[in-house]
Amino acid sequence: MSPPSDVRHSYVLLGENGQAVARAITVAATCPGLSVDGAPPEPMTLRAPAASLPPRPTAFDANNTIPSTFPVTVCDAPLPAGALRAAIGARELPLPKRHPQKILMIGDTGCRMKASGTGGSFQACDDAQQWPFRAIAELAAAQAPDLVIHVGDYHYRETACPPGNAGCAGSPYGFSWSSWEPDFFAPGAALLAAAPWVVVRGDHETCDRAGQGWWRLLDPRPLAPLQDCNDPANDGIGDYSEPYGVPLGDDMMFVVFDSAVVGTKALKSTDPQYRRYAAQFDKAFALGSKRPNAFFMNHQPILGFNSDGGPKAQPGNAALQSVLESIVPSVLFPPNVQAVLSGHVHMMQIVSFSTPQPPIFIPGNGGTSLVDDFTSFPSDQSPVQGAVVANLLHTASFGFMTMERGVSGWIIRSWDRAGHPVTTCNLFARKASCTPLVAAR
């Protein structure tokens, strides 16, 4: 076993059937020991050794010659249900609670560095005002959540900082550990230590982006051959994963759905992706039916408003809507799905309906550069045909959300970067009633 002092990061992920997995990232070649309930340490299992992976085409460079280098070892160990204490040396790990009372939701957190034909978007990664993820993570951790949900997009440092740009000068970029650590693990350390996490895969974690890191570092399930995004020939495997359920107590199920690689246009029923997602939605809804209250989680907003980066609101993801329409026509989700949790749009957004669709909560304001706030809406002001919006709240300011158990249903709050509440919603019987929006400070 390697010494605990070599561990750079340790955290707990919840996977299939709520299985808690302890994970450690170490600079040693072997795994550290994990002690559970005071027992002598047992060596953790090797998940992924240190490696320099061959260059492969990316979303932004078809001739990429830069390898993805991971000079760290990633280790796993399942945690037994009912464990009271788990530690790697002096590092105490947060353990899951059967009935969590406070759940924290955050998404789209990394420092955006992305070139495009028009110049791209580059945040000032060392400026806490311009990129506040560390401060938000520390503020969120101070709320002592029982569980953290990240709705996707952890890695944003994709292309080199342009010459003369002082805001991101010297920042690492690309898909190696040298970018993953400063973009997510180091600034998110306090929140990783505060509670177990449920992680949703975003479009920044597709195989032609940061997919290699996603599979090594974050997905809670075993690392499978051909699914690691190392070989572009296997991206049809690596860009997909099966949905799974995370039960919480006797009344609640979080359903995690990987929609990372989905496009934005409606899919034809003959499209292979349509057939794949249709089968996965059937599985996801079967998992959700095991509890009276299900929360569906994916990255792209199905029932929220999208954005092209400008102030005009656009309907939700047409590709996923087209598949769902064939499964649960018009309503899209079974009646026990109380709400949808998503990211992708870089703002806080809450949409509830007078029609039977469940409300959607989008904490896409966790740190990456924000989009312009919406000032223009489609004439019917609906993210999907047949849905009538009862309430729409949105703000292009940084922050996060919390869910807390109420006397009946859930109390969901949006918080700004200073820890002040922006709105409070009562979620009950698939309806969200929210207070008026308070300007973020």
Protein backbone atom coordinates (compact mmCIF):
# COMPACT_ATOMS: atom_id res chain seq x y z
CA MET A 1 0.00 0.00 0.00
CA SER A 2 1.16 3.53 -0.70
CA PRO A 3 1.34 6.05 2.13
CA PRO A 4 -1.75 8.24 2.67
CA SER A 5 0.49 11.29 2.34
CA ASP A 6 0.74 10.61 -1.41
CA VAL A 7 -3.02 11.06 -1.87
CA ARG A 8 -3.85 14.30 -3.67
CA HIS A 9 -7.64 14.03 -3.54
CA SER A 10 -10.19 11.69 -1.98
CA TYR A 11 -13.98 11.72 -2.28
CA VAL A 12 -17.09 9.54 -2.26
CA LEU A 13 -19.39 8.91 -5.24
CA LEU A 14 -22.82 7.30 -5.25
CA GLY A 15 -23.42 4.88 -8.11
CA GLU A 16 -25.83 2.15 -9.14
CA ASN A 17 -28.37 1.24 -6.43
CA GLY A 18 -26.80 3.93 -4.26
CA GLN A 19 -23.53 2.04 -3.85
CA ALA A 20 -21.05 4.39 -2.21
CA VAL A 21 -17.57 4.26 -3.71
CA ALA A 22 -14.50 5.76 -2.06
CA ARG A 23 -12.07 7.11 -4.63
CA ALA A 24 -8.51 8.33 -4.20
CA ILE A 25 -6.15 10.10 -6.58
CA THR A 26 -2.54 9.51 -5.59
CA VAL A 27 0.88 10.35 -6.97
CA ALA A 28 2.09 6.90 -5.90
CA ALA A 29 2.14 3.92 -8.26
CA THR A 30 0.13 1.78 -5.84
CA CYS A 31 -3.12 2.39 -3.99
CA PRO A 32 -3.46 3.57 -0.39
CA GLY A 33 -5.25 1.69 2.36
CA LEU A 34 -8.83 2.44 3.40
CA SER A 35 -9.96 1.93 6.98
CA VAL A 36 -13.68 1.37 7.65
CA ASP A 37 -15.12 1.61 11.16
CA GLY A 38 -11.71 1.41 12.78
CA ALA A 39 -10.61 -1.80 11.06
CA PRO A 40 -7.00 -2.05 9.83
CA PRO A 41 -6.53 -0.41 6.42
CA GLU A 42 -7.20 -2.57 3.38
CA PRO A 43 -5.62 -1.64 0.03
CA MET A 44 -7.95 0.10 -2.39
CA THR A 45 -8.38 -1.34 -5.90
CA LEU A 46 -6.49 0.10 -8.85
CA ARG A 47 -8.92 1.84 -11.20
CA ALA A 48 -6.51 3.50 -13.60
CA PRO A 49 -2.70 3.64 -13.47
CA ALA A 50 -0.70 6.71 -14.38
CA ALA A 51 -0.57 7.01 -18.15
CA SER A 52 0.27 9.23 -21.07
CA LEU A 53 -2.48 8.45 -23.56
CA PRO A 54 -1.90 8.72 -27.31
CA PRO A 55 -3.07 11.93 -28.99
CA ARG A 56 -6.49 11.68 -30.53
CA PRO A 57 -8.70 14.04 -32.56
CA THR A 58 -10.69 16.42 -30.40
CA ALA A 59 -13.73 18.60 -30.93
CA PHE A 60 -11.46 21.56 -31.68
CA ASP A 61 -8.39 20.04 -33.29
CA ALA A 62 -8.73 17.20 -35.77
CA ASN A 63 -4.91 17.02 -35.96
CA ASN A 64 -4.26 17.07 -32.24
CA THR A 65 -0.73 15.98 -31.32
CA ILE A 66 -0.96 16.60 -27.55
CA PRO A 67 -1.29 13.44 -25.43
CA SER A 68 -3.61 13.33 -22.44
CA THR A 69 -1.22 12.81 -19.57
CA PHE A 70 -2.37 11.52 -16.19
CA PRO A 71 0.67 11.21 -13.88
CA VAL A 72 -1.61 10.05 -11.05
CA THR A 73 -3.05 6.71 -9.98
CA VAL A 74 -6.81 6.43 -9.43
CA CYS A 75 -8.08 3.95 -6.84
CA ASP A 76 -11.52 2.68 -5.76
CA ALA A 77 -13.12 0.86 -2.86
CA PRO A 78 -16.83 0.12 -2.29
CA LEU A 79 -18.09 1.27 1.07
CA PRO A 80 -20.35 -1.11 3.01
CA ALA A 81 -23.89 0.07 3.69
CA GLY A 82 -24.22 1.36 7.23
CA ALA A 83 -20.54 2.22 7.66
CA LEU A 84 -20.04 4.87 10.33
CA ARG A 85 -16.50 5.95 9.52
CA ALA A 86 -14.13 5.65 6.59
CA ALA A 87 -10.66 7.14 6.33
CA ILE A 88 -7.50 7.10 4.24
CA GLY A 89 -4.91 7.75 6.90
CA ALA A 90 -6.03 10.97 8.57
CA ARG A 91 -8.35 11.84 5.68
CA GLU A 92 -11.94 11.32 6.82
CA LEU A 93 -14.36 10.53 4.00
CA PRO A 94 -17.97 11.77 3.98
CA LEU A 95 -20.47 8.93 4.23
CA PRO A 96 -23.98 8.79 2.75
CA LYS A 97 -27.08 9.26 4.86
CA ARG A 98 -30.10 7.08 4.25
CA HIS A 99 -32.46 10.05 4.52
CA PRO A 100 -30.53 13.15 3.50
CA GLN A 101 -32.15 16.36 4.67
CA LYS A 102 -30.17 18.88 2.63
CA ILE A 103 -29.01 18.27 -0.94
CA LEU A 104 -26.82 20.74 -2.77
CA MET A 105 -27.02 21.18 -6.56
CA ILE A 106 -24.37 22.82 -8.73
CA GLY A 107 -23.23 22.65 -12.33
CA ASP A 108 -21.11 24.07 -15.15
CA THR A 109 -18.23 24.96 -12.88
CA GLY A 110 -14.92 25.11 -14.80
CA CYS A 111 -12.96 28.11 -16.08
CA ARG A 112 -13.94 28.60 -19.71
CA MET A 113 -11.07 28.66 -22.19
CA LYS A 114 -12.36 27.89 -25.64
CA ALA A 115 -11.23 29.21 -29.01
CA SER A 116 -13.68 29.56 -31.87
CA GLY A 117 -13.84 31.14 -35.30
CA THR A 118 -14.89 34.42 -33.74
CA GLY A 119 -12.18 34.47 -31.10
CA GLY A 120 -13.74 32.34 -28.40
CA SER A 121 -14.35 32.90 -24.72
CA PHE A 122 -11.61 33.10 -22.09
CA GLN A 123 -12.27 33.65 -18.41
CA ALA A 124 -9.74 35.10 -16.01
CA CYS A 125 -9.01 31.84 -14.20
CA ASP A 126 -7.00 33.44 -11.37
CA ASP A 127 -9.61 36.13 -10.67
CA ALA A 128 -12.13 35.00 -8.06
CA GLN A 129 -14.59 37.60 -9.26
CA GLN A 130 -14.48 36.39 -12.85
CA TRP A 131 -14.26 32.67 -12.01
CA PRO A 132 -15.74 32.13 -8.52
CA PHE A 133 -16.04 28.33 -8.39
CA ARG A 134 -13.65 27.92 -5.44
CA ALA A 135 -15.48 30.54 -3.37
CA ILE A 136 -18.87 29.07 -4.32
CA ALA A 137 -17.70 25.54 -3.43
CA GLU A 138 -16.42 26.69 -0.05
CA LEU A 139 -19.60 28.64 0.65
CA ALA A 140 -21.72 25.65 -0.38
CA ALA A 141 -19.64 23.31 1.80
CA ALA A 142 -20.25 25.59 4.78
CA GLN A 143 -23.96 24.83 4.45
CA ALA A 144 -23.11 21.25 5.52
CA PRO A 145 -25.04 19.37 2.83
CA ASP A 146 -25.78 15.67 3.19
CA LEU A 147 -25.37 15.11 -0.55
CA VAL A 148 -23.98 17.04 -3.55
CA ILE A 149 -25.33 16.76 -7.09
CA HIS A 150 -23.27 18.09 -10.00
CA VAL A 151 -25.36 18.34 -13.18
CA GLY A 152 -22.38 18.20 -15.56
CA ASP A 153 -19.57 20.12 -17.28
CA TYR A 154 -16.60 20.00 -14.90
CA HIS A 155 -13.79 20.70 -17.36
CA TYR A 156 -13.58 23.90 -19.45
CA ARG A 157 -9.87 24.63 -20.07
CA GLU A 158 -9.89 23.31 -23.62
CA THR A 159 -7.64 25.58 -25.69
CA ALA A 160 -4.59 27.76 -25.05
CA CYS A 161 -4.94 31.23 -23.59
CA PRO A 162 -4.38 33.75 -26.42
CA PRO A 163 -1.15 35.76 -26.34
CA GLY A 164 -1.60 39.04 -24.52
CA ASN A 165 -4.61 37.87 -22.48
CA ALA A 166 -3.54 38.58 -18.91
CA GLY A 167 -6.67 37.04 -17.41
CA CYS A 168 -5.79 33.44 -18.31
CA ALA A 169 -2.06 33.78 -19.01
CA GLY A 170 -0.14 30.73 -17.85
CA SER A 171 -3.18 28.55 -17.33
CA PRO A 172 -2.84 24.92 -18.37
CA TYR A 173 -5.19 23.69 -21.06
CA GLY A 174 -6.15 20.48 -22.79
CA PHE A 175 -7.57 17.29 -21.36
CA SER A 176 -4.75 16.13 -19.07
CA TRP A 177 -4.60 16.01 -15.28
CA SER A 178 -2.72 19.33 -15.39
CA SER A 179 -6.03 20.92 -16.45
CA TRP A 180 -8.46 18.71 -14.54
CA GLU A 181 -6.91 19.44 -11.16
CA PRO A 182 -6.99 23.28 -11.25
CA ASP A 183 -10.32 23.32 -13.08
CA PHE A 184 -12.24 21.02 -10.74
CA PHE A 185 -10.48 19.05 -8.02
CA ALA A 186 -8.45 21.79 -6.36
CA PRO A 187 -11.13 24.52 -6.29
CA GLY A 188 -13.85 21.99 -5.44
CA ALA A 189 -11.90 20.32 -2.62
CA ALA A 190 -13.99 21.71 0.24
CA LEU A 191 -17.22 20.54 -1.34
CA LEU A 192 -15.77 17.13 -2.24
CA ALA A 193 -14.89 16.71 1.44
CA ALA A 194 -18.30 17.87 2.68
CA ALA A 195 -20.57 15.11 1.38
CA PRO A 196 -20.88 12.23 -1.08
CA TRP A 197 -21.54 13.23 -4.71
CA VAL A 198 -23.91 12.15 -7.46
CA VAL A 199 -22.31 13.13 -10.77
CA VAL A 200 -24.00 13.73 -14.14
CA ARG A 201 -21.96 13.67 -17.34
CA GLY A 202 -22.03 16.85 -19.42
CA ASP A 203 -21.23 17.57 -23.06
CA HIS A 204 -17.76 18.77 -22.00
CA GLU A 205 -17.05 15.18 -20.97
CA THR A 206 -17.67 13.55 -24.35
CA CYS A 207 -14.88 11.44 -25.84
CA ASP A 208 -13.66 14.21 -28.15
CA ARG A 209 -13.38 16.55 -25.19
CA ALA A 210 -12.64 15.55 -21.58
CA GLY A 211 -14.08 12.03 -21.76
CA GLN A 212 -10.82 10.33 -20.83
CA GLY A 213 -10.74 12.20 -17.55
CA TRP A 214 -14.43 11.59 -16.93
CA TRP A 215 -14.03 7.83 -17.06
CA ARG A 216 -10.84 7.75 -15.02
CA LEU A 217 -11.82 10.29 -12.37
CA LEU A 218 -15.57 10.73 -11.96
CA ASP A 219 -17.90 8.03 -13.24
CA PRO A 220 -18.78 5.90 -10.19
CA ARG A 221 -18.92 2.56 -11.99
CA PRO A 222 -16.06 0.21 -12.90
CA LEU A 223 -13.85 1.42 -15.74
CA ALA A 224 -14.82 -0.82 -18.66
CA PRO A 225 -12.67 -1.76 -21.67
CA LEU A 226 -13.45 0.19 -24.87
CA GLN A 227 -15.45 2.75 -22.86
CA ASP A 228 -12.48 4.87 -21.78
CA CYS A 229 -12.44 7.26 -24.79
CA ASN A 230 -8.80 6.44 -25.55
CA ASP A 231 -9.44 5.14 -29.07
CA PRO A 232 -11.71 7.19 -31.39
CA ALA A 233 -12.81 3.94 -33.02
CA ASN A 234 -14.65 3.11 -29.79
CA ASP A 235 -16.38 6.45 -29.24
CA GLY A 236 -19.72 4.81 -30.03
CA ILE A 237 -19.19 2.95 -26.77
CA GLY A 238 -17.36 5.59 -24.74
CA ASP A 239 -19.86 8.35 -25.47
CA TYR A 240 -22.73 6.44 -23.87
CA SER A 241 -23.46 4.79 -20.58
CA GLU A 242 -26.53 3.17 -19.09
CA PRO A 243 -28.80 5.09 -16.70
CA TYR A 244 -28.75 4.13 -13.05
CA GLY A 245 -30.77 4.84 -9.94
CA VAL A 246 -29.63 6.23 -6.59
CA PRO A 247 -32.33 5.42 -3.99
CA LEU A 248 -32.55 7.71 -0.97
CA GLY A 249 -34.63 6.21 1.80
CA ASP A 250 -37.93 4.54 1.04
CA ASP A 251 -39.54 7.38 -0.87
CA MET A 252 -37.03 8.89 -3.28
CA MET A 253 -34.99 7.88 -6.33
CA PHE A 254 -32.49 9.97 -8.26
CA VAL A 255 -32.21 8.69 -11.84
CA VAL A 256 -28.93 9.59 -13.56
CA PHE A 257 -29.09 9.77 -17.36
CA ASP A 258 -26.05 10.22 -19.63
CA SER A 259 -27.06 12.52 -22.50
CA ALA A 260 -23.58 13.99 -23.00
CA VAL A 261 -23.27 13.36 -26.73
CA VAL A 262 -26.82 14.22 -27.79
CA GLY A 263 -27.32 16.87 -30.47
CA THR A 264 -29.94 19.60 -30.62
CA LYS A 265 -32.14 18.55 -33.56
CA ALA A 266 -35.10 16.19 -33.36
CA LEU A 267 -34.16 12.58 -34.08
CA LYS A 268 -35.91 10.32 -36.55
CA SER A 269 -37.14 6.99 -35.22
CA THR A 270 -34.76 5.25 -37.63
CA ASP A 271 -31.71 7.00 -36.17
CA PRO A 272 -29.49 4.63 -34.12
CA GLN A 273 -29.18 7.29 -31.42
CA TYR A 274 -32.98 7.51 -31.20
CA ARG A 275 -33.22 3.77 -30.64
CA ARG A 276 -30.42 3.81 -28.08
CA TYR A 277 -31.95 6.66 -26.07
CA ALA A 278 -35.45 5.15 -26.30
CA ALA A 279 -34.19 1.95 -24.67
CA GLN A 280 -32.32 3.95 -22.04
CA PHE A 281 -35.35 6.11 -21.20
CA ASP A 282 -37.40 2.93 -20.73
CA LYS A 283 -34.74 1.65 -18.33
CA ALA A 284 -34.48 4.99 -16.54
CA PHE A 285 -38.22 5.22 -15.95
CA ALA A 286 -38.32 1.61 -14.73
CA LEU A 287 -35.63 2.50 -12.20
CA GLY A 288 -37.54 5.60 -11.13
CA SER A 289 -40.73 3.57 -10.61
CA LYS A 290 -39.10 1.76 -7.69
CA ARG A 291 -39.83 4.78 -5.48
CA PRO A 292 -42.95 6.97 -5.27
CA ASN A 293 -40.90 10.10 -5.94
CA ALA A 294 -38.29 10.21 -8.69
CA PHE A 295 -35.96 13.01 -9.74
CA PHE A 296 -34.61 12.74 -13.28
CA MET A 297 -31.12 14.13 -13.85
CA ASN A 298 -29.38 14.79 -17.15
CA HIS A 299 -27.22 17.60 -18.49
CA GLN A 300 -29.12 19.11 -21.45
CA PRO A 301 -32.36 20.83 -20.38
CA ILE A 302 -35.33 18.96 -21.82
CA LEU A 303 -37.99 21.17 -20.21
CA GLY A 304 -35.97 24.36 -19.82
CA PHE A 305 -35.01 27.17 -22.15
CA ASN A 306 -31.77 26.90 -24.05
CA SER A 307 -29.50 29.72 -25.18
CA ASP A 308 -27.27 30.41 -28.14
CA GLY A 309 -25.18 32.69 -25.94
CA GLY A 310 -27.39 35.67 -26.66
CA PRO A 311 -30.47 37.08 -24.90
CA LYS A 312 -33.03 35.10 -26.91
CA ALA A 313 -34.48 32.07 -25.13
CA GLN A 314 -34.81 28.94 -27.24
CA PRO A 315 -36.81 25.75 -26.67
CA GLY A 316 -35.27 22.82 -24.79
CA ASN A 317 -33.39 19.89 -26.29
CA ALA A 318 -35.37 18.77 -29.35
CA ALA A 319 -33.43 15.52 -29.76
CA LEU A 320 -34.38 14.16 -26.34
CA GLN A 321 -37.89 15.58 -26.61
CA SER A 322 -38.44 13.67 -29.85
CA VAL A 323 -37.57 10.39 -28.15
CA LEU A 324 -39.62 11.08 -25.03
CA GLU A 325 -42.65 12.04 -27.08
CA SER A 326 -42.93 8.44 -28.24
CA ILE A 327 -42.71 7.11 -24.67
CA VAL A 328 -44.88 9.54 -22.66
CA PRO A 329 -46.65 11.66 -25.28
CA SER A 330 -46.92 15.39 -24.56
CA VAL A 331 -46.04 15.10 -20.85
CA LEU A 332 -42.65 13.43 -21.59
CA PHE A 333 -42.14 12.08 -18.06
CA PRO A 334 -44.07 9.50 -16.00
CA PRO A 335 -46.26 10.87 -13.20
CA ASN A 336 -43.93 9.91 -10.36
CA VAL A 337 -41.10 12.12 -11.72
CA GLN A 338 -41.40 15.09 -9.41
CA ALA A 339 -38.78 17.29 -11.09
CA VAL A 340 -35.99 17.36 -13.65
CA LEU A 341 -32.49 18.57 -12.71
CA SER A 342 -30.22 19.79 -15.52
CA GLY A 343 -27.40 22.17 -16.45
CA HIS A 344 -25.83 23.23 -19.76
CA VAL A 345 -27.36 26.72 -19.85
CA HIS A 346 -24.99 29.00 -17.96
CA MET A 347 -27.52 30.64 -15.69
CA MET A 348 -29.94 29.80 -12.90
CA GLN A 349 -33.31 28.80 -14.32
CA ILE A 350 -36.52 27.37 -12.88
CA VAL A 351 -39.49 26.52 -15.10
CA SER A 352 -42.81 25.18 -13.80
CA PHE A 353 -45.94 24.36 -15.76
CA SER A 354 -49.72 24.59 -15.49
CA THR A 355 -49.81 21.52 -17.75
CA PRO A 356 -48.75 18.11 -16.34
CA GLN A 357 -45.03 18.33 -17.15
CA PRO A 358 -42.72 18.28 -14.10
CA PRO A 359 -40.78 21.45 -13.23
CA ILE A 360 -37.13 21.77 -14.13
CA PHE A 361 -34.36 23.26 -11.98
CA ILE A 362 -31.15 24.36 -13.70
CA PRO A 363 -28.17 25.35 -11.49
CA GLY A 364 -25.93 26.01 -14.50
CA ASN A 365 -24.31 29.01 -12.81
CA GLY A 366 -21.59 27.30 -10.75
CA GLY A 367 -18.60 29.21 -12.09
CA THR A 368 -18.12 29.09 -15.84
CA SER A 369 -18.74 32.23 -17.90
CA LEU A 370 -22.40 33.17 -17.86
CA VAL A 371 -24.65 33.70 -20.86
CA ASP A 372 -26.58 36.90 -21.36
CA ASP A 373 -29.76 36.92 -19.32
CA PHE A 374 -32.90 36.23 -21.32
CA THR A 375 -34.75 39.30 -22.59
CA SER A 376 -36.56 37.68 -25.52
CA PHE A 377 -38.80 34.60 -25.60
CA PRO A 378 -40.61 32.59 -28.25
CA SER A 379 -44.18 33.79 -28.77
CA ASP A 380 -45.62 30.81 -26.88
CA GLN A 381 -42.91 31.01 -24.18
CA SER A 382 -42.65 27.24 -23.88
CA PRO A 383 -39.60 24.96 -24.01
CA VAL A 384 -41.61 22.15 -25.63
CA GLN A 385 -44.79 21.96 -27.67
CA GLY A 386 -47.86 21.32 -25.55
CA ALA A 387 -46.42 22.63 -22.28
CA VAL A 388 -47.81 25.83 -20.76
CA VAL A 389 -45.40 27.73 -18.54
CA ALA A 390 -46.85 28.77 -15.20
CA ASN A 391 -43.71 30.34 -13.77
CA LEU A 392 -40.26 31.12 -15.15
CA LEU A 393 -37.38 32.39 -13.05
CA HIS A 394 -33.92 33.05 -14.45
CA THR A 395 -30.84 35.04 -13.58
CA ALA A 396 -27.42 35.20 -15.21
CA SER A 397 -25.48 35.42 -11.97
CA PHE A 398 -23.26 32.93 -10.16
CA GLY A 399 -24.54 30.62 -7.44
CA PHE A 400 -25.97 27.19 -6.56
CA MET A 401 -29.16 25.52 -5.31
CA THR A 402 -30.24 23.48 -2.31
CA MET A 403 -33.05 21.00 -1.70
CA GLU A 404 -34.34 20.43 1.83
CA ARG A 405 -37.09 18.18 3.09
CA GLY A 406 -40.16 20.14 4.15
CA VAL A 407 -43.30 19.21 6.05
CA SER A 408 -44.73 18.16 2.70
CA GLY A 409 -42.51 17.92 -0.35
CA TRP A 410 -39.26 19.77 -0.79
CA ILE A 411 -38.03 23.33 -0.31
CA ILE A 412 -35.66 24.32 -3.11
CA ARG A 413 -33.63 27.50 -2.85
CA SER A 414 -31.38 29.27 -5.29
CA TRP A 415 -28.44 31.08 -3.67
CA ASP A 416 -26.17 33.76 -5.05
CA ARG A 417 -22.38 33.78 -4.82
CA ALA A 418 -22.54 35.70 -1.52
CA GLY A 419 -24.80 33.13 0.13
CA HIS A 420 -28.02 35.14 -0.09
CA PRO A 421 -31.24 33.43 -1.21
CA VAL A 422 -32.44 34.45 -4.68
CA THR A 423 -35.73 32.53 -4.62
CA THR A 424 -37.43 29.84 -2.55
CA CYS A 425 -39.66 27.19 -4.13
CA ASN A 426 -42.02 24.70 -2.55
CA LEU A 427 -42.04 21.50 -4.61
CA PHE A 428 -45.04 19.28 -4.00
CA ALA A 429 -47.03 16.94 -6.21
CA ARG A 430 -44.97 17.82 -9.28
CA LYS A 431 -45.62 21.54 -8.95
CA ALA A 432 -43.17 24.28 -7.92
CA SER A 433 -44.43 27.43 -6.24
CA CYS A 434 -41.64 30.03 -5.99
CA THR A 435 -41.16 33.42 -4.39
CA PRO A 436 -40.34 36.39 -6.65
CA LEU A 437 -36.72 36.64 -7.79
CA VAL A 438 -34.40 38.76 -5.65
CA ALA A 439 -31.51 40.41 -7.47
CA ALA A 440 -28.21 38.62 -6.81
CA ARG A 441 -25.61 40.61 -4.85
